[in-house]
């Protein structure tokens, strides 16, 4: 188990709250493929005795989850997120439950023959939207938007008959738009993000019995022990 100093962790966690975590652990540990996910069910804990920090993760049988970090002598809550967990290959993903989100089309779509697809998304206050991507069935990929914009050439778009705008942190489809040959291909949207934004905290089992779980903590990680009853 690695030791994470208390002040460092608080700074890292502030970064994590501000920006959804990427689903990739920052350590060099090799994950174990779990054949039966039932071995993962239970409570896991990490304790930093010197600084009084505790990390608790609960992976429940109904796939609900708890990610809880307490700090200090009085076990004050620093982060408490309740949501759900999934197993994708060797990686466990712990998600919170985000609030409502809305994406509305702005103005009338236009046609620009020099472009394949142009998408602009702004927040209600006029700033560029962040954390979104554009995809279509034939692309087999998600194109992350930069400064609230996406632009693809006619060759890249090909004969796509629709495109989707997706929240990148949890791959939630915010809107799907049909495309017609010779029709509009330049769109603008207004984005109303969730009050509680989603995050994806990755974890992985370090042994086939699920005795130890490695969980991302900001840009670091901690190894939690499975608390057997």
C-alpha atoms as a PDB file:
ATOM      1  CA  UNK A   1       0.000   0.000   0.000  1.00  0.00           C
ATOM      2  CA  UNK A   2       1.370   3.414  -0.887  1.00  0.00           C
ATOM      3  CA  UNK A   3       1.290   6.322   1.521  1.00  0.00           C
ATOM      4  CA  UNK A   4      -0.413   9.505   0.310  1.00  0.00           C
ATOM      5  CA  UNK A   5       0.231  12.607   2.380  1.00  0.00           C
ATOM      6  CA  UNK A   6      -2.940  14.323   3.601  1.00  0.00           C
ATOM      7  CA  UNK A   7      -2.345  17.811   2.162  1.00  0.00           C
ATOM      8  CA  UNK A   8      -1.317  16.401  -1.192  1.00  0.00           C
ATOM      9  CA  UNK A   9      -4.453  14.307  -1.392  1.00  0.00           C
ATOM     10  CA  UNK A  10      -6.745  17.233  -0.600  1.00  0.00           C
ATOM     11  CA  UNK A  11      -5.163  19.232  -3.424  1.00  0.00           C
ATOM     12  CA  UNK A  12      -5.447  16.326  -5.821  1.00  0.00           C
ATOM     13  CA  UNK A  13      -9.064  15.712  -4.882  1.00  0.00           C
ATOM     14  CA  UNK A  14      -9.940  19.332  -5.520  1.00  0.00           C
ATOM     15  CA  UNK A  15      -8.607  18.845  -9.033  1.00  0.00           C
ATOM     16  CA  UNK A  16     -10.674  15.687  -9.402  1.00  0.00           C
ATOM     17  CA  UNK A  17     -13.888  17.412  -8.329  1.00  0.00           C
ATOM     18  CA  UNK A  18     -13.304  20.243 -10.791  1.00  0.00           C
ATOM     19  CA  UNK A  19     -12.533  17.947 -13.714  1.00  0.00           C
ATOM     20  CA  UNK A  20     -14.091  14.533 -14.394  1.00  0.00           C
ATOM     21  CA  UNK A  21     -11.451  11.867 -13.964  1.00  0.00           C
ATOM     22  CA  UNK A  22     -10.233   9.932 -16.970  1.00  0.00           C
ATOM     23  CA  UNK A  23     -10.954   6.238 -16.790  1.00  0.00           C
ATOM     24  CA  UNK A  24      -7.323   5.232 -16.473  1.00  0.00           C
ATOM     25  CA  UNK A  25      -5.336   4.573 -13.330  1.00  0.00           C
ATOM     26  CA  UNK A  26      -2.066   6.529 -12.936  1.00  0.00           C
ATOM     27  CA  UNK A  27      -0.131   3.598 -11.462  1.00  0.00           C
ATOM     28  CA  UNK A  28       1.875   0.859 -13.148  1.00  0.00           C
ATOM     29  CA  UNK A  29      -0.008  -1.992 -11.500  1.00  0.00           C
ATOM     30  CA  UNK A  30      -1.264  -4.811 -13.699  1.00  0.00           C
ATOM     31  CA  UNK A  31      -5.004  -5.416 -13.339  1.00  0.00           C
ATOM     32  CA  UNK A  32      -6.385  -8.888 -12.787  1.00  0.00           C
ATOM     33  CA  UNK A  33      -9.247 -10.117 -14.975  1.00  0.00           C
ATOM     34  CA  UNK A  34     -12.102 -11.099 -12.693  1.00  0.00           C
ATOM     35  CA  UNK A  35     -13.949 -14.190 -13.881  1.00  0.00           C
ATOM     36  CA  UNK A  36     -16.844 -13.814 -11.438  1.00  0.00           C
ATOM     37  CA  UNK A  37     -17.650 -10.239 -10.426  1.00  0.00           C
ATOM     38  CA  UNK A  38     -19.302 -11.468  -7.235  1.00  0.00           C
ATOM     39  CA  UNK A  39     -15.844 -11.687  -5.618  1.00  0.00           C
ATOM     40  CA  UNK A  40     -15.688  -7.889  -5.808  1.00  0.00           C
ATOM     41  CA  UNK A  41     -18.847  -7.312  -3.791  1.00  0.00           C
ATOM     42  CA  UNK A  42     -18.195  -5.843  -0.367  1.00  0.00           C
ATOM     43  CA  UNK A  43     -16.509  -3.015   1.506  1.00  0.00           C
ATOM     44  CA  UNK A  44     -12.964  -1.770   0.946  1.00  0.00           C
ATOM     45  CA  UNK A  45     -10.929   0.610   3.099  1.00  0.00           C
ATOM     46  CA  UNK A  46      -7.679   2.577   3.078  1.00  0.00           C
ATOM     47  CA  UNK A  47      -6.432   4.350   6.212  1.00  0.00           C
ATOM     48  CA  UNK A  48      -3.615   6.894   6.373  1.00  0.00           C
ATOM     49  CA  UNK A  49      -2.935   6.615  10.091  1.00  0.00           C
ATOM     50  CA  UNK A  50      -0.474   9.493  10.268  1.00  0.00           C
ATOM     51  CA  UNK A  51      -2.945  12.043   8.901  1.00  0.00           C
ATOM     52  CA  UNK A  52      -6.275  10.465   9.773  1.00  0.00           C
ATOM     53  CA  UNK A  53      -7.490  10.139   6.184  1.00  0.00           C
ATOM     54  CA  UNK A  54      -9.841   7.264   5.336  1.00  0.00           C
ATOM     55  CA  UNK A  55     -11.079   6.080   1.955  1.00  0.00           C
ATOM     56  CA  UNK A  56     -14.061   3.744   1.825  1.00  0.00           C
ATOM     57  CA  UNK A  57     -15.429   2.091  -1.293  1.00  0.00           C
ATOM     58  CA  UNK A  58     -18.544  -0.086  -1.244  1.00  0.00           C
ATOM     59  CA  UNK A  59     -19.346  -2.268  -4.247  1.00  0.00           C
ATOM     60  CA  UNK A  60     -22.816  -3.644  -3.596  1.00  0.00           C
ATOM     61  CA  UNK A  61     -24.504  -6.696  -5.103  1.00  0.00           C
ATOM     62  CA  UNK A  62     -27.136  -4.526  -6.832  1.00  0.00           C
ATOM     63  CA  UNK A  63     -24.320  -2.531  -8.481  1.00  0.00           C
ATOM     64  CA  UNK A  64     -24.884   0.553  -6.363  1.00  0.00           C
ATOM     65  CA  UNK A  65     -21.633   2.038  -5.066  1.00  0.00           C
ATOM     66  CA  UNK A  66     -20.221   4.390  -2.452  1.00  0.00           C
ATOM     67  CA  UNK A  67     -16.989   6.386  -2.785  1.00  0.00           C
ATOM     68  CA  UNK A  68     -16.294   8.108   0.540  1.00  0.00           C
ATOM     69  CA  UNK A  69     -13.268  10.050   1.727  1.00  0.00           C
ATOM     70  CA  UNK A  70     -13.021  11.381   5.281  1.00  0.00           C
ATOM     71  CA  UNK A  71     -10.222  13.417   6.785  1.00  0.00           C
ATOM     72  CA  UNK A  72      -8.922  14.663  10.122  1.00  0.00           C
ATOM     73  CA  UNK A  73      -9.379  13.516  13.675  1.00  0.00           C
ATOM     74  CA  UNK A  74     -13.144  14.040  13.495  1.00  0.00           C
ATOM     75  CA  UNK A  75     -13.589  12.065  10.244  1.00  0.00           C
ATOM     76  CA  UNK A  76     -15.028  15.077   8.442  1.00  0.00           C
ATOM     77  CA  UNK A  77     -16.568  14.262   5.047  1.00  0.00           C
ATOM     78  CA  UNK A  78     -14.412  15.478   2.170  1.00  0.00           C
ATOM     79  CA  UNK A  79     -16.083  13.594  -0.670  1.00  0.00           C
ATOM     80  CA  UNK A  80     -19.108  11.362  -0.459  1.00  0.00           C
ATOM     81  CA  UNK A  81     -20.465  10.148  -3.775  1.00  0.00           C
ATOM     82  CA  UNK A  82     -23.160   7.529  -4.130  1.00  0.00           C
ATOM     83  CA  UNK A  83     -23.874   6.001  -7.514  1.00  0.00           C
ATOM     84  CA  UNK A  84     -23.181   2.726  -9.277  1.00  0.00           C
ATOM     85  CA  UNK A  85     -20.304   0.533 -10.409  1.00  0.00           C
ATOM     86  CA  UNK A  86     -19.583  -1.404 -13.587  1.00  0.00           C
ATOM     87  CA  UNK A  87     -16.939  -3.919 -14.642  1.00  0.00           C
ATOM     88  CA  UNK A  88     -15.457  -3.355 -18.091  1.00  0.00           C
ATOM     89  CA  UNK A  89     -12.746  -5.884 -18.914  1.00  0.00           C
ATOM     90  CA  UNK A  90     -10.191  -5.718 -16.099  1.00  0.00           C
ATOM     91  CA  UNK A  91     -11.310  -2.281 -14.892  1.00  0.00           C
ATOM     92  CA  UNK A  92     -13.960  -1.357 -12.368  1.00  0.00           C
ATOM     93  CA  UNK A  93     -15.657   2.000 -12.869  1.00  0.00           C
ATOM     94  CA  UNK A  94     -17.299   3.891 -10.019  1.00  0.00           C
ATOM     95  CA  UNK A  95     -19.807   6.513 -11.152  1.00  0.00           C
ATOM     96  CA  UNK A  96     -21.828   9.098  -9.306  1.00  0.00           C
ATOM     97  CA  UNK A  97     -25.384  10.045 -10.254  1.00  0.00           C
ATOM     98  CA  UNK A  98     -25.281  13.389 -12.081  1.00  0.00           C
ATOM     99  CA  UNK A  99     -28.104  15.905 -12.116  1.00  0.00           C
ATOM    100  CA  UNK A 100     -30.307  16.784 -15.120  1.00  0.00           C
ATOM    101  CA  UNK A 101     -28.634  18.080 -18.255  1.00  0.00           C
ATOM    102  CA  UNK A 102     -30.061  19.853 -21.309  1.00  0.00           C
ATOM    103  CA  UNK A 103     -28.880  20.684 -24.832  1.00  0.00           C
ATOM    104  CA  UNK A 104     -31.020  22.929 -27.024  1.00  0.00           C
ATOM    105  CA  UNK A 105     -30.628  23.772 -30.705  1.00  0.00           C
ATOM    106  CA  UNK A 106     -30.037  27.489 -31.315  1.00  0.00           C
ATOM    107  CA  UNK A 107     -31.187  29.220 -34.469  1.00  0.00           C
ATOM    108  CA  UNK A 108     -31.787  27.618 -37.850  1.00  0.00           C
ATOM    109  CA  UNK A 109     -29.217  25.094 -39.135  1.00  0.00           C
ATOM    110  CA  UNK A 110     -27.417  26.212 -42.284  1.00  0.00           C
ATOM    111  CA  UNK A 111     -25.728  24.634 -45.281  1.00  0.00           C
ATOM    112  CA  UNK A 112     -22.016  25.111 -46.003  1.00  0.00           C
ATOM    113  CA  UNK A 113     -20.892  23.069 -49.018  1.00  0.00           C
ATOM    114  CA  UNK A 114     -17.217  23.487 -48.071  1.00  0.00           C
ATOM    115  CA  UNK A 115     -17.711  21.565 -44.802  1.00  0.00           C
ATOM    116  CA  UNK A 116     -18.819  18.095 -43.906  1.00  0.00           C
ATOM    117  CA  UNK A 117     -20.179  18.977 -40.461  1.00  0.00           C
ATOM    118  CA  UNK A 118     -19.853  22.040 -38.234  1.00  0.00           C
ATOM    119  CA  UNK A 119     -21.108  21.975 -34.634  1.00  0.00           C
ATOM    120  CA  UNK A 120     -20.801  24.827 -32.125  1.00  0.00           C
ATOM    121  CA  UNK A 121     -21.973  24.498 -28.513  1.00  0.00           C
ATOM    122  CA  UNK A 122     -21.981  27.371 -26.034  1.00  0.00           C
ATOM    123  CA  UNK A 123     -23.098  27.634 -22.442  1.00  0.00           C
ATOM    124  CA  UNK A 124     -26.040  29.848 -21.510  1.00  0.00           C
ATOM    125  CA  UNK A 125     -23.573  32.570 -20.440  1.00  0.00           C
ATOM    126  CA  UNK A 126     -21.949  32.593 -23.893  1.00  0.00           C
ATOM    127  CA  UNK A 127     -18.748  30.746 -22.981  1.00  0.00           C
ATOM    128  CA  UNK A 128     -17.650  27.667 -24.994  1.00  0.00           C
ATOM    129  CA  UNK A 129     -19.039  24.390 -23.661  1.00  0.00           C
ATOM    130  CA  UNK A 130     -16.555  21.855 -22.320  1.00  0.00           C
ATOM    131  CA  UNK A 131     -16.479  18.085 -21.937  1.00  0.00           C
ATOM    132  CA  UNK A 132     -18.467  17.261 -25.079  1.00  0.00           C
ATOM    133  CA  UNK A 133     -17.788  15.246 -28.210  1.00  0.00           C
ATOM    134  CA  UNK A 134     -19.338  14.508 -31.590  1.00  0.00           C
ATOM    135  CA  UNK A 135     -19.752  11.110 -33.208  1.00  0.00           C
ATOM    136  CA  UNK A 136     -21.730   9.341 -35.924  1.00  0.00           C
ATOM    137  CA  UNK A 137     -22.305   5.620 -36.552  1.00  0.00           C
ATOM    138  CA  UNK A 138     -19.724   5.267 -39.315  1.00  0.00           C
ATOM    139  CA  UNK A 139     -16.949   7.098 -37.448  1.00  0.00           C
ATOM    140  CA  UNK A 140     -16.262   4.392 -34.815  1.00  0.00           C
ATOM    141  CA  UNK A 141     -14.792   7.115 -32.591  1.00  0.00           C
ATOM    142  CA  UNK A 142     -15.667  10.144 -30.474  1.00  0.00           C
ATOM    143  CA  UNK A 143     -14.292  13.496 -31.640  1.00  0.00           C
ATOM    144  CA  UNK A 144     -13.710  15.695 -28.591  1.00  0.00           C
ATOM    145  CA  UNK A 145     -14.816  19.288 -29.078  1.00  0.00           C
ATOM    146  CA  UNK A 146     -12.270  22.075 -28.634  1.00  0.00           C
ATOM    147  CA  UNK A 147     -13.487  25.485 -27.428  1.00  0.00           C
ATOM    148  CA  UNK A 148     -17.029  24.260 -27.961  1.00  0.00           C
ATOM    149  CA  UNK A 149     -16.513  23.483 -31.639  1.00  0.00           C
ATOM    150  CA  UNK A 150     -16.290  20.513 -33.964  1.00  0.00           C
ATOM    151  CA  UNK A 151     -15.476  20.625 -37.665  1.00  0.00           C
ATOM    152  CA  UNK A 152     -15.153  17.685 -40.032  1.00  0.00           C
ATOM    153  CA  UNK A 153     -14.525  17.568 -43.768  1.00  0.00           C
ATOM    154  CA  UNK A 154     -16.941  16.047 -46.307  1.00  0.00           C
ATOM    155  CA  UNK A 155     -14.587  13.071 -46.673  1.00  0.00           C
ATOM    156  CA  UNK A 156     -14.520  12.480 -42.896  1.00  0.00           C
ATOM    157  CA  UNK A 157     -18.299  12.653 -42.604  1.00  0.00           C
ATOM    158  CA  UNK A 158     -18.868  10.458 -45.653  1.00  0.00           C
ATOM    159  CA  UNK A 159     -22.476   9.357 -46.109  1.00  0.00           C
ATOM    160  CA  UNK A 160     -23.418   9.609 -42.431  1.00  0.00           C
ATOM    161  CA  UNK A 161     -27.161   9.983 -41.926  1.00  0.00           C
ATOM    162  CA  UNK A 162     -26.996  11.313 -38.387  1.00  0.00           C
ATOM    163  CA  UNK A 163     -24.626  12.623 -35.732  1.00  0.00           C
ATOM    164  CA  UNK A 164     -24.750  12.722 -31.939  1.00  0.00           C
ATOM    165  CA  UNK A 165     -23.443  15.132 -29.332  1.00  0.00           C
ATOM    166  CA  UNK A 166     -22.124  13.189 -26.353  1.00  0.00           C
ATOM    167  CA  UNK A 167     -20.979  14.081 -22.830  1.00  0.00           C
ATOM    168  CA  UNK A 168     -17.491  12.617 -22.817  1.00  0.00           C
ATOM    169  CA  UNK A 169     -17.250  11.762 -19.092  1.00  0.00           C
ATOM    170  CA  UNK A 170     -20.060   9.186 -19.128  1.00  0.00           C
ATOM    171  CA  UNK A 171     -20.840   8.875 -22.882  1.00  0.00           C
ATOM    172  CA  UNK A 172     -24.366  10.176 -22.354  1.00  0.00           C
ATOM    173  CA  UNK A 173     -25.987  11.087 -25.689  1.00  0.00           C
ATOM    174  CA  UNK A 174     -27.351  14.613 -25.286  1.00  0.00           C
ATOM    175  CA  UNK A 175     -28.879  14.927 -28.731  1.00  0.00           C
ATOM    176  CA  UNK A 176     -29.032  12.997 -32.008  1.00  0.00           C
ATOM    177  CA  UNK A 177     -29.587  14.910 -35.239  1.00  0.00           C
ATOM    178  CA  UNK A 178     -30.635  13.472 -38.578  1.00  0.00           C
ATOM    179  CA  UNK A 179     -28.697  14.485 -41.682  1.00  0.00           C
ATOM    180  CA  UNK A 180     -30.000  14.601 -45.263  1.00  0.00           C
ATOM    181  CA  UNK A 181     -28.017  14.745 -48.492  1.00  0.00           C
ATOM    182  CA  UNK A 182     -27.646  18.408 -49.480  1.00  0.00           C
ATOM    183  CA  UNK A 183     -29.348  19.527 -46.269  1.00  0.00           C
ATOM    184  CA  UNK A 184     -28.096  21.583 -43.324  1.00  0.00           C
ATOM    185  CA  UNK A 185     -24.672  20.683 -41.921  1.00  0.00           C
ATOM    186  CA  UNK A 186     -23.860  23.674 -39.696  1.00  0.00           C
ATOM    187  CA  UNK A 187     -25.462  23.633 -36.239  1.00  0.00           C
ATOM    188  CA  UNK A 188     -25.391  25.671 -33.047  1.00  0.00           C
ATOM    189  CA  UNK A 189     -26.534  24.531 -29.600  1.00  0.00           C
ATOM    190  CA  UNK A 190     -26.858  25.929 -26.078  1.00  0.00           C
ATOM    191  CA  UNK A 191     -25.693  23.661 -23.254  1.00  0.00           C
ATOM    192  CA  UNK A 192     -27.120  23.583 -19.738  1.00  0.00           C
ATOM    193  CA  UNK A 193     -24.796  21.241 -17.795  1.00  0.00           C
ATOM    194  CA  UNK A 194     -25.728  19.259 -14.712  1.00  0.00           C
ATOM    195  CA  UNK A 195     -25.483  20.957 -11.337  1.00  0.00           C
ATOM    196  CA  UNK A 196     -23.733  17.742 -10.284  1.00  0.00           C
ATOM    197  CA  UNK A 197     -21.383  16.717 -13.078  1.00  0.00           C
ATOM    198  CA  UNK A 198     -20.601  13.040 -13.700  1.00  0.00           C
ATOM    199  CA  UNK A 199     -17.270  11.412 -13.036  1.00  0.00           C
ATOM    200  CA  UNK A 200     -15.782   8.009 -13.694  1.00  0.00           C
ATOM    201  CA  UNK A 201     -13.394   6.828 -10.987  1.00  0.00           C
ATOM    202  CA  UNK A 202     -11.440   3.786 -12.181  1.00  0.00           C
ATOM    203  CA  UNK A 203     -10.358   0.936  -9.939  1.00  0.00           C
ATOM    204  CA  UNK A 204      -8.903  -2.520 -10.442  1.00  0.00           C
ATOM    205  CA  UNK A 205      -8.516  -5.718  -8.521  1.00  0.00           C
ATOM    206  CA  UNK A 206      -4.935  -6.732  -7.777  1.00  0.00           C
ATOM    207  CA  UNK A 207      -5.716 -10.397  -7.143  1.00  0.00           C
ATOM    208  CA  UNK A 208      -8.344 -12.924  -8.345  1.00  0.00           C
ATOM    209  CA  UNK A 209     -10.132 -13.024  -4.965  1.00  0.00           C
ATOM    210  CA  UNK A 210     -10.657  -9.278  -4.828  1.00  0.00           C
ATOM    211  CA  UNK A 211      -8.729  -8.949  -1.559  1.00  0.00           C
ATOM    212  CA  UNK A 212      -7.149  -5.671  -2.614  1.00  0.00           C
ATOM    213  CA  UNK A 213      -8.523  -2.894  -4.800  1.00  0.00           C
ATOM    214  CA  UNK A 214      -6.534  -0.087  -6.342  1.00  0.00           C
ATOM    215  CA  UNK A 215      -8.593   3.103  -6.720  1.00  0.00           C
ATOM    216  CA  UNK A 216      -7.793   6.404  -8.377  1.00  0.00           C
ATOM    217  CA  UNK A 217      -7.607   9.375  -6.002  1.00  0.00           C
ATOM    218  CA  UNK A 218      -7.246  12.551  -8.051  1.00  0.00           C
ATOM    219  CA  UNK A 219      -4.004  12.058  -9.985  1.00  0.00           C
ATOM    220  CA  UNK A 220      -2.678   9.505  -7.477  1.00  0.00           C
ATOM    221  CA  UNK A 221      -4.046   6.173  -6.287  1.00  0.00           C
ATOM    222  CA  UNK A 222      -4.575   4.180  -3.113  1.00  0.00           C
ATOM    223  CA  UNK A 223      -4.774   0.466  -2.387  1.00  0.00           C
ATOM    224  CA  UNK A 224      -7.782  -0.538  -0.338  1.00  0.00           C
ATOM    225  CA  UNK A 225      -8.195  -3.792   1.581  1.00  0.00           C
ATOM    226  CA  UNK A 226     -11.351  -5.866   1.251  1.00  0.00           C
ATOM    227  CA  UNK A 227     -13.014  -5.912   4.672  1.00  0.00           C
ATOM    228  CA  UNK A 228     -14.262  -9.458   5.120  1.00  0.00           C
ATOM    229  CA  UNK A 229     -17.063 -10.069   7.609  1.00  0.00           C
END
